Amino acid sequence: MPNPIPLGVFGFPAGHILSPVLHNKAAEELGLDYHYLAYEVHPDYLEEAVRGARAMGFRGLTITIPHKVAVVKFMDELSEDARLMGAVNTIIFEEDGRLIGHNTDGIGWLRFLEETTGEHPREKKCLVLGAGGAARAIAVKIAQCGAAHLEIRNRTYEKAMELAHFVEKSVPSSKVKGGGLDDLYSAADGCEIIVNTTSLGMWGNAERMATPPIPEDAIPNGCICSDAVYIPPDTEFLKAARRAGAQIVHGTGWLVYQAAAAWKMWTGVDMPTDIVMEVLHEALELRLGIEG
């Protein structure tokens, strides 16, 4: 009996990664012979690890923190999103040995946003909180969608400005402004979509977990609030947004839908997202229960 087709995720550290839960459940439900594992890869050995995966017959890889930008130079070809975002989170190993780099963060977020709210960033005023890798992917996708205006705010002013300039260069038709966290009330005023890509609200540090990335009374009534944080699923930001009368979009959906886009590239089959979402929530409840 042949071995399952290998898939995996490279990160550093890797102990917290839940991607194997998603992809292995999809393989089980669909009766497909794939097996997905998490690998802790030190940045110094990233190239060797990627080349080794190709030699071992991997069909694909997920690339996560801190490797998304560094891995770009090892690709033979980039998708449009990966090129525009300057980062790769999904690799396809072609039969001829070529490595194709994709980025599913933006499209995964967009598809879940549309499914959850029925809305789209086109012609909307949007605010992205944070300026890291996730912010880059979302900011570029929002700009690609034709947002009326995009504001990027970050604790480090220079990083927000750098990302704003990056987005404007990547999507020349975009209207982007960067800034610090000194006046989030004016930044959020009239916003129709607010996306948190910072780690505020994430499980593991009581103070950060209890701190929303934006004051509750700055959140406009009726806007859409989306969070990249998925541990816990219901963050302080989303709780505040709900109280403020906003629509909320959970980070768990973003995680599942970016994974679903990668899964379809590797297998040619749609991921059963409803079932995968259920098993993700079960895994999160178990983890939170153990660590709590």
Protein backbone atom coordinates (compact mmCIF):
# COMPACT_ATOMS: atom_id res chain seq x y z
CA MET A 1 0.00 0.00 0.00
CA PRO A 2 1.54 3.36 -1.01
CA ASN A 3 2.27 6.00 1.60
CA PRO A 4 -0.09 9.00 1.85
CA ILE A 5 0.85 12.04 -0.23
CA PRO A 6 2.70 14.37 2.16
CA LEU A 7 1.64 17.93 2.91
CA GLY A 8 2.86 20.15 5.72
CA VAL A 9 3.45 23.52 7.31
CA PHE A 10 6.82 25.13 8.08
CA GLY A 11 6.96 27.61 10.95
CA PHE A 12 9.14 28.62 13.89
CA PRO A 13 7.96 27.86 16.50
CA ALA A 14 5.39 25.29 15.37
CA GLY A 15 3.83 23.92 18.54
CA HIS A 16 0.78 26.18 18.38
CA ILE A 17 -0.10 25.51 14.71
CA LEU A 18 -3.57 24.05 14.08
CA SER A 19 -3.34 23.61 10.31
CA PRO A 20 -2.91 19.79 10.57
CA VAL A 21 -6.33 19.59 12.24
CA LEU A 22 -7.94 21.31 9.25
CA HIS A 23 -6.25 19.50 6.39
CA ASN A 24 -6.28 16.01 7.91
CA LYS A 25 -9.99 16.35 8.67
CA ALA A 26 -10.60 17.38 5.05
CA ALA A 27 -8.64 14.35 3.80
CA GLU A 28 -10.58 12.05 6.13
CA GLU A 29 -13.98 13.40 5.11
CA LEU A 30 -13.19 13.28 1.40
CA GLY A 31 -11.48 9.89 1.52
CA LEU A 32 -8.28 11.32 -0.01
CA ASP A 33 -4.85 9.86 0.70
CA TYR A 34 -3.09 12.97 1.99
CA HIS A 35 -1.36 13.47 5.33
CA TYR A 36 -0.43 16.90 6.73
CA LEU A 37 2.13 17.54 9.49
CA ALA A 38 3.62 20.60 11.22
CA TYR A 39 7.39 21.05 11.08
CA GLU A 40 9.44 23.45 13.18
CA VAL A 41 12.00 24.91 10.76
CA HIS A 42 14.66 27.32 11.99
CA PRO A 43 15.09 30.32 9.65
CA ASP A 44 18.70 29.33 8.99
CA TYR A 45 17.54 26.04 7.43
CA LEU A 46 14.49 27.19 5.48
CA GLU A 47 15.97 26.66 2.03
CA GLU A 48 17.23 23.19 2.89
CA ALA A 49 13.83 22.28 4.34
CA VAL A 50 11.95 23.43 1.22
CA ARG A 51 14.34 21.59 -1.10
CA GLY A 52 14.08 18.53 1.14
CA ALA A 53 10.29 18.57 0.95
CA ARG A 54 10.51 18.60 -2.83
CA ALA A 55 12.94 15.66 -2.78
CA MET A 56 10.61 13.73 -0.45
CA GLY A 57 7.65 14.01 -2.81
CA PHE A 58 5.57 16.65 -1.01
CA ARG A 59 2.60 17.94 -2.97
CA GLY A 60 2.44 21.23 -1.09
CA LEU A 61 3.41 23.28 1.91
CA THR A 62 1.90 25.98 4.05
CA ILE A 63 4.43 28.64 5.06
CA THR A 64 3.80 30.61 8.24
CA ILE A 65 5.57 32.98 10.63
CA PRO A 66 8.41 33.91 10.29
CA HIS A 67 9.08 32.50 6.81
CA LYS A 68 6.49 34.07 4.47
CA VAL A 69 8.79 36.75 3.04
CA ALA A 70 12.07 34.84 3.25
CA VAL A 71 10.73 31.88 1.25
CA VAL A 72 9.90 34.04 -1.79
CA LYS A 73 13.44 33.90 -3.17
CA PHE A 74 13.34 30.10 -3.36
CA MET A 75 10.31 30.04 -5.67
CA ASP A 76 10.53 29.41 -9.42
CA GLU A 77 7.27 31.28 -10.02
CA LEU A 78 4.87 33.47 -8.05
CA SER A 79 1.11 33.95 -8.34
CA GLU A 80 -0.12 37.52 -8.78
CA ASP A 81 -1.15 37.79 -5.12
CA ALA A 82 2.18 36.45 -3.88
CA ARG A 83 4.04 38.87 -6.14
CA LEU A 84 1.96 41.88 -5.10
CA MET A 85 2.09 40.99 -1.40
CA GLY A 86 5.78 40.08 -1.47
CA ALA A 87 5.01 37.01 0.63
CA VAL A 88 4.20 33.32 0.15
CA ASN A 89 2.03 31.23 2.45
CA THR A 90 1.36 28.32 0.08
CA ILE A 91 3.75 26.32 -2.10
CA ILE A 92 2.81 23.89 -4.85
CA PHE A 93 5.41 21.35 -5.94
CA GLU A 94 4.87 20.75 -9.65
CA GLU A 95 5.62 17.38 -11.25
CA ASP A 96 8.46 18.95 -13.23
CA GLY A 97 10.12 20.05 -9.97
CA ARG A 98 9.18 23.74 -10.12
CA LEU A 99 8.12 25.50 -6.92
CA ILE A 100 5.10 27.79 -7.33
CA GLY A 101 4.47 30.31 -4.56
CA HIS A 102 0.97 31.55 -3.75
CA ASN A 103 -0.60 33.70 -1.05
CA THR A 104 -4.07 32.67 0.08
CA ASP A 105 -4.32 35.00 3.11
CA GLY A 106 -6.07 37.77 1.19
CA ILE A 107 -8.47 35.64 -0.84
CA GLY A 108 -9.30 33.51 2.21
CA TRP A 109 -10.20 36.61 4.20
CA LEU A 110 -12.23 38.06 1.31
CA ARG A 111 -14.24 34.89 0.66
CA PHE A 112 -15.15 34.50 4.32
CA LEU A 113 -16.05 38.18 4.58
CA GLU A 114 -18.39 37.86 1.59
CA GLU A 115 -19.96 34.64 2.86
CA THR A 116 -20.46 36.01 6.38
CA THR A 117 -21.70 39.50 5.57
CA GLY A 118 -22.60 39.57 1.87
CA GLU A 119 -20.38 42.65 1.59
CA HIS A 120 -17.23 43.50 -0.39
CA PRO A 121 -14.54 46.19 0.15
CA ARG A 122 -15.30 47.87 -3.18
CA GLU A 123 -15.95 51.61 -2.71
CA LYS A 124 -15.78 51.26 1.08
CA LYS A 125 -13.71 53.15 3.64
CA CYS A 126 -11.48 50.59 5.38
CA LEU A 127 -9.17 50.59 8.39
CA VAL A 128 -6.43 47.99 8.96
CA LEU A 129 -4.85 47.82 12.42
CA GLY A 130 -1.30 46.50 12.37
CA ALA A 131 1.48 46.47 9.79
CA GLY A 132 2.87 42.94 9.81
CA GLY A 133 2.53 40.07 7.35
CA ALA A 134 -1.22 39.58 7.78
CA ALA A 135 -1.79 43.33 7.46
CA ARG A 136 0.19 43.37 4.22
CA ALA A 137 -1.93 40.60 2.70
CA ILE A 138 -5.23 42.17 3.75
CA ALA A 139 -4.23 45.71 2.80
CA VAL A 140 -3.19 44.62 -0.70
CA LYS A 141 -6.40 42.61 -1.14
CA ILE A 142 -8.55 45.53 0.02
CA ALA A 143 -6.73 47.81 -2.43
CA GLN A 144 -7.16 45.26 -5.24
CA CYS A 145 -10.89 45.22 -4.49
CA GLY A 146 -11.17 48.94 -5.21
CA ALA A 147 -11.74 50.35 -1.73
CA ALA A 148 -12.61 54.04 -1.67
CA HIS A 149 -9.98 54.66 1.01
CA LEU A 150 -7.65 52.53 3.10
CA GLU A 151 -6.18 53.66 6.41
CA ILE A 152 -3.34 51.66 8.02
CA ARG A 153 -2.61 52.33 11.69
CA ASN A 154 0.17 50.72 13.70
CA ARG A 155 1.96 51.17 17.03
CA THR A 156 5.12 51.99 15.07
CA TYR A 157 4.29 54.92 12.81
CA GLU A 158 7.16 54.21 10.39
CA LYS A 159 5.95 50.65 9.74
CA ALA A 160 2.45 51.90 8.95
CA MET A 161 3.83 54.43 6.50
CA GLU A 162 6.10 51.81 4.93
CA LEU A 163 3.14 49.46 4.40
CA ALA A 164 0.99 52.29 3.01
CA HIS A 165 3.67 53.10 0.44
CA PHE A 166 4.08 49.38 -0.36
CA VAL A 167 0.36 49.03 -1.08
CA GLU A 168 0.25 52.14 -3.23
CA LYS A 169 3.19 50.81 -5.23
CA SER A 170 1.66 47.34 -5.57
CA VAL A 171 -1.79 48.65 -6.51
CA PRO A 172 -1.20 52.04 -8.19
CA SER A 173 -4.90 52.98 -8.28
CA SER A 174 -5.24 52.66 -4.50
CA LYS A 175 -5.75 55.46 -2.00
CA VAL A 176 -3.84 54.60 1.19
CA LYS A 177 -2.88 56.55 4.28
CA GLY A 178 -0.66 55.40 7.15
CA GLY A 179 -0.34 56.56 10.72
CA GLY A 180 0.16 55.73 14.38
CA LEU A 181 -2.32 54.92 17.13
CA ASP A 182 -2.61 58.46 18.46
CA ASP A 183 -6.05 59.21 16.99
CA LEU A 184 -8.00 56.07 16.19
CA TYR A 185 -11.28 57.95 16.53
CA SER A 186 -10.63 59.98 13.39
CA ALA A 187 -9.16 56.95 11.61
CA ALA A 188 -12.30 54.89 12.30
CA ASP A 189 -14.78 57.69 11.64
CA GLY A 190 -17.09 56.62 8.83
CA CYS A 191 -15.29 53.31 8.34
CA GLU A 192 -17.31 50.47 6.87
CA ILE A 193 -14.71 47.74 7.43
CA ILE A 194 -12.18 47.50 10.29
CA VAL A 195 -9.66 44.64 10.32
CA ASN A 196 -7.46 43.83 13.31
CA THR A 197 -4.23 42.07 12.33
CA THR A 198 -2.38 42.75 15.60
CA SER A 199 -1.91 40.16 18.35
CA LEU A 200 -4.06 42.16 20.79
CA GLY A 201 -6.77 39.86 22.10
CA MET A 202 -4.73 36.67 21.59
CA TRP A 203 -4.70 33.97 24.23
CA GLY A 204 -1.53 33.58 26.27
CA ASN A 205 -1.04 36.99 27.89
CA ALA A 206 -3.82 38.18 30.19
CA GLU A 207 -3.15 41.88 29.64
CA ARG A 208 -2.95 41.66 25.84
CA MET A 209 -5.94 39.31 25.73
CA ALA A 210 -8.06 41.87 27.60
CA THR A 211 -6.93 44.81 25.45
CA PRO A 212 -8.97 45.60 22.31
CA PRO A 213 -6.97 47.18 19.46
CA ILE A 214 -9.38 50.12 19.20
CA PRO A 215 -11.65 51.85 21.74
CA GLU A 216 -15.18 50.51 21.71
CA ASP A 217 -16.73 53.95 21.28
CA ALA A 218 -14.59 54.53 18.18
CA ILE A 219 -16.25 51.64 16.32
CA PRO A 220 -18.98 52.97 13.99
CA ASN A 221 -22.41 51.40 14.33
CA GLY A 222 -23.13 49.06 11.43
CA CYS A 223 -19.55 48.66 10.23
CA ILE A 224 -17.91 45.25 9.71
CA CYS A 225 -15.21 44.23 12.21
CA SER A 226 -12.91 41.36 11.29
CA ASP A 227 -10.21 39.85 13.51
CA ALA A 228 -7.12 37.86 12.49
CA VAL A 229 -6.88 36.46 16.03
CA TYR A 230 -8.63 33.09 16.39
CA ILE A 231 -7.49 31.98 19.85
CA PRO A 232 -9.93 32.68 21.44
CA PRO A 233 -12.54 32.81 18.65
CA ASP A 234 -14.53 35.57 20.38
CA THR A 235 -11.92 38.25 21.11
CA GLU A 236 -12.35 41.43 23.13
CA PHE A 237 -12.33 43.35 19.84
CA LEU A 238 -15.24 41.32 18.47
CA LYS A 239 -17.15 41.56 21.75
CA ALA A 240 -16.71 45.35 21.72
CA ALA A 241 -17.76 45.49 18.06
CA ARG A 242 -20.90 43.51 18.79
CA ARG A 243 -21.81 45.89 21.62
CA ALA A 244 -21.19 48.84 19.30
CA GLY A 245 -23.69 47.46 16.78
CA ALA A 246 -21.13 46.25 14.23
CA GLN A 247 -21.16 43.04 12.22
CA ILE A 248 -18.40 40.64 13.26
CA VAL A 249 -16.20 38.29 11.24
CA HIS A 250 -14.29 35.71 13.28
CA GLY A 251 -10.64 34.86 12.76
CA THR A 252 -11.49 31.13 12.71
CA GLY A 253 -13.23 31.62 9.37
CA TRP A 254 -10.24 33.48 7.97
CA LEU A 255 -7.97 30.59 9.05
CA VAL A 256 -10.23 27.94 7.49
CA TYR A 257 -10.83 29.79 4.23
CA GLN A 258 -7.17 30.55 3.53
CA ALA A 259 -6.51 26.86 4.19
CA ALA A 260 -9.38 25.89 1.88
CA ALA A 261 -7.87 27.91 -0.97
CA ALA A 262 -4.55 26.10 -0.53
CA TRP A 263 -6.26 22.71 -0.25
CA LYS A 264 -8.06 23.25 -3.56
CA MET A 265 -4.73 24.12 -5.27
CA TRP A 266 -3.08 20.94 -3.96
CA THR A 267 -5.91 18.44 -4.46
CA GLY A 268 -8.28 19.96 -7.01
CA VAL A 269 -11.15 19.28 -4.58
CA ASP A 270 -13.13 21.74 -2.44
CA MET A 271 -12.51 21.56 1.29
CA PRO A 272 -15.65 20.76 3.33
CA THR A 273 -15.38 24.04 5.22
CA ASP A 274 -18.42 23.52 7.50
CA ILE A 275 -17.05 20.24 8.84
CA VAL A 276 -13.51 21.62 9.10
CA MET A 277 -14.81 24.66 10.99
CA GLU A 278 -16.50 22.36 13.51
CA VAL A 279 -13.35 20.36 14.17
CA LEU A 280 -11.34 23.58 14.50
CA HIS A 281 -13.68 24.88 17.19
CA GLU A 282 -13.43 21.53 19.00
CA ALA A 283 -9.64 21.76 18.91
CA LEU A 284 -9.74 25.34 20.19
CA GLU A 285 -12.06 24.42 23.06
CA LEU A 286 -9.72 21.60 24.02
CA ARG A 287 -6.64 23.82 23.86
CA LEU A 288 -8.24 26.66 25.79
CA GLY A 289 -9.52 24.23 28.37
CA ILE A 290 -6.10 22.66 28.87
CA GLU A 291 -4.18 25.93 28.94
CA GLY A 292 -6.84 27.72 30.99
